[in-house]
Amino acid sequence: MAARRASTSGESEYTTTGITLVCCAAFAPTMLKMWRKATDELSDLLGTDHDLAVFRQTLSGDLDRFGRESDRQVLIGLIDRRRAELQATA
């Protein structure tokens, strides 16, 4: 969630996820809403990609735990395909 702080120059300063955006007060809410939606979507895509990368690494590193090699390879292929889709979208 973004934090808003008014400045003495009539501008509004918004800070979210360590990034500060300074806008004119007249159109800042519209810009911020679009920007926030885009960054939320990007965050979701990157988070899912990371989760799949960790899962793939776990599958590759613990061979006895996850069944037959052929099953693991199918799952790894599906993970790789989904990660490629996520990265292309991001």
N, C-alpha and C. Protein backbone atom coordinates (compact mmCIF):
# COMPACT_ATOMS: atom_id res chain seq x y z
N MET A 1 0.84 -1.18 0.00
CA MET A 1 0.00 0.00 0.00
C MET A 1 0.89 1.24 0.00
N ALA A 2 0.51 2.21 -0.76
CA ALA A 2 1.30 3.43 -0.88
C ALA A 2 0.96 4.40 0.24
N ALA A 3 1.97 5.13 0.64
CA ALA A 3 1.78 6.17 1.64
C ALA A 3 1.83 7.52 0.93
N ARG A 4 0.91 8.42 1.25
CA ARG A 4 0.84 9.74 0.61
C ARG A 4 1.29 10.80 1.60
N ARG A 5 2.08 11.73 1.08
CA ARG A 5 2.54 12.85 1.90
C ARG A 5 2.48 14.11 1.04
N ALA A 6 1.80 15.13 1.52
CA ALA A 6 1.69 16.39 0.78
C ALA A 6 2.96 17.21 0.97
N SER A 7 3.33 17.93 -0.07
CA SER A 7 4.50 18.80 0.03
C SER A 7 4.03 20.26 0.00
N THR A 8 4.93 21.17 0.30
CA THR A 8 4.59 22.59 0.33
C THR A 8 4.44 23.16 -1.08
N SER A 9 4.91 22.46 -2.10
CA SER A 9 4.83 22.97 -3.48
C SER A 9 3.53 22.57 -4.17
N GLY A 10 2.61 21.94 -3.47
CA GLY A 10 1.35 21.55 -4.08
C GLY A 10 1.40 20.19 -4.75
N GLU A 11 2.52 19.53 -4.66
CA GLU A 11 2.65 18.20 -5.23
C GLU A 11 2.37 17.18 -4.14
N SER A 12 2.04 15.98 -4.57
CA SER A 12 1.87 14.88 -3.63
C SER A 12 2.99 13.88 -3.86
N GLU A 13 3.49 13.37 -2.80
CA GLU A 13 4.58 12.40 -2.88
C GLU A 13 4.05 11.06 -2.41
N TYR A 14 4.18 10.04 -3.23
CA TYR A 14 3.70 8.70 -2.91
C TYR A 14 4.91 7.78 -2.81
N THR A 15 4.92 6.96 -1.78
CA THR A 15 6.01 6.00 -1.61
C THR A 15 5.41 4.61 -1.47
N THR A 16 5.90 3.68 -2.26
CA THR A 16 5.47 2.29 -2.18
C THR A 16 6.64 1.41 -2.55
N THR A 17 6.82 0.34 -1.87
CA THR A 17 7.90 -0.63 -2.08
C THR A 17 9.24 0.04 -2.32
N GLY A 18 9.53 1.07 -1.55
CA GLY A 18 10.84 1.71 -1.63
C GLY A 18 11.00 2.68 -2.78
N ILE A 19 9.96 2.91 -3.58
CA ILE A 19 10.04 3.82 -4.72
C ILE A 19 9.17 5.03 -4.42
N THR A 20 9.69 6.22 -4.68
CA THR A 20 8.94 7.43 -4.43
C THR A 20 8.53 8.06 -5.76
N LEU A 21 7.25 8.43 -5.85
CA LEU A 21 6.70 9.05 -7.05
C LEU A 21 6.12 10.40 -6.64
N VAL A 22 6.60 11.47 -7.25
CA VAL A 22 6.10 12.80 -6.96
C VAL A 22 5.25 13.25 -8.14
N CYS A 23 3.99 13.63 -7.86
CA CYS A 23 3.05 13.99 -8.91
C CYS A 23 2.32 15.27 -8.54
N CYS A 24 1.79 15.90 -9.54
CA CYS A 24 0.90 17.03 -9.29
C CYS A 24 -0.37 16.49 -8.66
N ALA A 25 -0.92 17.22 -7.71
CA ALA A 25 -2.07 16.75 -6.95
C ALA A 25 -3.29 16.52 -7.83
N ALA A 26 -3.42 17.25 -8.93
CA ALA A 26 -4.61 17.16 -9.77
C ALA A 26 -4.81 15.79 -10.40
N PHE A 27 -3.75 15.12 -10.81
CA PHE A 27 -3.92 13.83 -11.46
C PHE A 27 -3.16 12.69 -10.78
N ALA A 28 -2.61 12.94 -9.63
CA ALA A 28 -1.84 11.92 -8.93
C ALA A 28 -2.67 10.68 -8.57
N PRO A 29 -3.90 10.80 -8.10
CA PRO A 29 -4.64 9.58 -7.73
C PRO A 29 -4.85 8.64 -8.91
N THR A 30 -5.15 9.17 -10.09
CA THR A 30 -5.35 8.33 -11.27
C THR A 30 -4.05 7.65 -11.67
N MET A 31 -2.98 8.40 -11.71
CA MET A 31 -1.68 7.83 -12.08
C MET A 31 -1.25 6.79 -11.06
N LEU A 32 -1.42 7.12 -9.79
CA LEU A 32 -1.00 6.20 -8.75
C LEU A 32 -1.79 4.91 -8.80
N LYS A 33 -3.09 4.99 -9.06
CA LYS A 33 -3.93 3.79 -9.14
C LYS A 33 -3.44 2.88 -10.28
N MET A 34 -3.16 3.45 -11.44
CA MET A 34 -2.67 2.66 -12.57
C MET A 34 -1.30 2.06 -12.25
N TRP A 35 -0.44 2.87 -11.66
CA TRP A 35 0.91 2.43 -11.34
C TRP A 35 0.87 1.32 -10.29
N ARG A 36 0.02 1.49 -9.27
CA ARG A 36 -0.10 0.49 -8.21
C ARG A 36 -0.61 -0.83 -8.78
N LYS A 37 -1.60 -0.78 -9.67
CA LYS A 37 -2.14 -2.00 -10.27
C LYS A 37 -1.06 -2.72 -11.07
N ALA A 38 -0.29 -1.97 -11.85
CA ALA A 38 0.77 -2.59 -12.65
C ALA A 38 1.85 -3.21 -11.76
N THR A 39 2.24 -2.51 -10.70
CA THR A 39 3.28 -3.07 -9.83
C THR A 39 2.76 -4.26 -9.03
N ASP A 40 1.48 -4.26 -8.67
CA ASP A 40 0.90 -5.42 -7.98
C ASP A 40 0.89 -6.64 -8.89
N GLU A 41 0.51 -6.44 -10.15
CA GLU A 41 0.50 -7.55 -11.11
C GLU A 41 1.91 -8.09 -11.33
N LEU A 42 2.87 -7.19 -11.48
CA LEU A 42 4.25 -7.60 -11.67
C LEU A 42 4.76 -8.37 -10.46
N SER A 43 4.43 -7.89 -9.29
CA SER A 43 4.84 -8.56 -8.06
C SER A 43 4.27 -9.98 -7.99
N ASP A 44 3.01 -10.15 -8.37
CA ASP A 44 2.40 -11.48 -8.37
C ASP A 44 3.10 -12.41 -9.37
N LEU A 45 3.38 -11.91 -10.56
CA LEU A 45 4.05 -12.72 -11.58
C LEU A 45 5.44 -13.15 -11.11
N LEU A 46 6.19 -12.21 -10.59
CA LEU A 46 7.55 -12.52 -10.14
C LEU A 46 7.54 -13.45 -8.93
N GLY A 47 6.57 -13.27 -8.04
CA GLY A 47 6.46 -14.14 -6.88
C GLY A 47 6.16 -15.58 -7.27
N THR A 48 5.24 -15.76 -8.21
CA THR A 48 4.90 -17.10 -8.68
C THR A 48 6.10 -17.73 -9.38
N ASP A 49 6.80 -16.94 -10.20
CA ASP A 49 8.00 -17.45 -10.88
C ASP A 49 9.03 -17.91 -9.85
N HIS A 50 9.23 -17.13 -8.82
CA HIS A 50 10.19 -17.51 -7.77
C HIS A 50 9.78 -18.80 -7.08
N ASP A 51 8.49 -18.91 -6.73
CA ASP A 51 8.01 -20.14 -6.09
C ASP A 51 8.28 -21.36 -6.95
N LEU A 52 8.02 -21.23 -8.25
CA LEU A 52 8.27 -22.35 -9.16
C LEU A 52 9.76 -22.67 -9.28
N ALA A 53 10.60 -21.65 -9.26
CA ALA A 53 12.05 -21.87 -9.32
C ALA A 53 12.53 -22.64 -8.10
N VAL A 54 12.02 -22.28 -6.93
CA VAL A 54 12.40 -22.99 -5.70
C VAL A 54 11.89 -24.43 -5.74
N PHE A 55 10.67 -24.62 -6.21
CA PHE A 55 10.10 -25.97 -6.33
C PHE A 55 10.92 -26.81 -7.30
N ARG A 56 11.31 -26.23 -8.43
CA ARG A 56 12.14 -26.95 -9.41
C ARG A 56 13.47 -27.37 -8.81
N GLN A 57 14.08 -26.47 -8.07
CA GLN A 57 15.36 -26.76 -7.43
C GLN A 57 15.19 -27.90 -6.42
N THR A 58 14.10 -27.88 -5.68
CA THR A 58 13.83 -28.94 -4.70
C THR A 58 13.65 -30.28 -5.40
N LEU A 59 12.90 -30.28 -6.50
CA LEU A 59 12.70 -31.52 -7.27
C LEU A 59 14.02 -32.07 -7.81
N SER A 60 14.86 -31.18 -8.28
CA SER A 60 16.13 -31.60 -8.87
C SER A 60 17.14 -32.06 -7.83
N GLY A 61 17.02 -31.55 -6.61
CA GLY A 61 18.02 -31.84 -5.60
C GLY A 61 17.74 -33.05 -4.73
N ASP A 62 16.51 -33.49 -4.64
CA ASP A 62 16.15 -34.60 -3.75
C ASP A 62 15.52 -35.71 -4.58
N LEU A 63 16.37 -36.46 -5.26
CA LEU A 63 15.89 -37.42 -6.26
C LEU A 63 15.07 -38.56 -5.68
N ASP A 64 15.38 -39.01 -4.49
CA ASP A 64 14.66 -40.15 -3.91
C ASP A 64 13.28 -39.76 -3.36
N ARG A 65 13.09 -38.52 -3.07
CA ARG A 65 11.87 -38.08 -2.40
C ARG A 65 10.67 -37.95 -3.33
N PHE A 66 10.89 -37.74 -4.61
CA PHE A 66 9.79 -37.37 -5.51
C PHE A 66 9.48 -38.42 -6.58
N GLY A 67 9.69 -39.67 -6.31
CA GLY A 67 9.26 -40.71 -7.24
C GLY A 67 10.21 -40.95 -8.40
N ARG A 68 9.61 -41.46 -9.45
CA ARG A 68 10.42 -41.88 -10.62
C ARG A 68 11.02 -40.69 -11.35
N GLU A 69 12.16 -40.93 -11.96
CA GLU A 69 12.85 -39.90 -12.74
C GLU A 69 11.97 -39.39 -13.88
N SER A 70 11.26 -40.27 -14.54
CA SER A 70 10.41 -39.85 -15.67
C SER A 70 9.31 -38.90 -15.18
N ASP A 71 8.73 -39.16 -14.03
CA ASP A 71 7.71 -38.28 -13.47
C ASP A 71 8.29 -36.91 -13.11
N ARG A 72 9.46 -36.91 -12.51
CA ARG A 72 10.12 -35.65 -12.16
C ARG A 72 10.42 -34.83 -13.40
N GLN A 73 10.87 -35.49 -14.46
CA GLN A 73 11.22 -34.77 -15.69
C GLN A 73 9.98 -34.14 -16.33
N VAL A 74 8.85 -34.83 -16.28
CA VAL A 74 7.61 -34.25 -16.79
C VAL A 74 7.24 -33.01 -15.99
N LEU A 75 7.31 -33.13 -14.68
CA LEU A 75 6.97 -32.00 -13.82
C LEU A 75 7.93 -30.83 -14.02
N ILE A 76 9.20 -31.11 -14.14
CA ILE A 76 10.19 -30.05 -14.38
C ILE A 76 9.91 -29.37 -15.72
N GLY A 77 9.53 -30.15 -16.73
CA GLY A 77 9.18 -29.56 -18.02
C GLY A 77 7.98 -28.62 -17.92
N LEU A 78 6.97 -29.02 -17.15
CA LEU A 78 5.80 -28.17 -16.95
C LEU A 78 6.17 -26.89 -16.18
N ILE A 79 7.01 -27.05 -15.18
CA ILE A 79 7.47 -25.88 -14.42
C ILE A 79 8.22 -24.92 -15.33
N ASP A 80 9.13 -25.45 -16.14
CA ASP A 80 9.91 -24.59 -17.05
C ASP A 80 9.02 -23.86 -18.04
N ARG A 81 8.01 -24.55 -18.55
CA ARG A 81 7.10 -23.92 -19.50
C ARG A 81 6.31 -22.79 -18.83
N ARG A 82 5.80 -23.03 -17.64
CA ARG A 82 5.03 -22.01 -16.94
C ARG A 82 5.90 -20.82 -16.56
N ARG A 83 7.13 -21.08 -16.14
CA ARG A 83 8.03 -19.98 -15.80
C ARG A 83 8.33 -19.12 -17.02
N ALA A 84 8.49 -19.75 -18.17
CA ALA A 84 8.73 -18.98 -19.40
C ALA A 84 7.54 -18.08 -19.73
N GLU A 85 6.33 -18.60 -19.53
CA GLU A 85 5.12 -17.80 -19.75
C GLU A 85 5.07 -16.62 -18.78
N LEU A 86 5.34 -16.87 -17.52
CA LEU A 86 5.32 -15.81 -16.50
C LEU A 86 6.34 -14.74 -16.82
N GLN A 87 7.55 -15.16 -17.18
CA GLN A 87 8.61 -14.20 -17.48
C GLN A 87 8.30 -13.37 -18.72
N ALA A 88 7.67 -13.99 -19.71
CA ALA A 88 7.29 -13.24 -20.91
C ALA A 88 6.22 -12.20 -20.58
N THR A 89 5.30 -12.56 -19.72
CA THR A 89 4.24 -11.64 -19.32
C THR A 89 4.79 -10.50 -18.49
N ALA A 90 5.73 -10.83 -17.58
CA ALA A 90 6.32 -9.81 -16.71
C ALA A 90 7.14 -8.84 -17.53
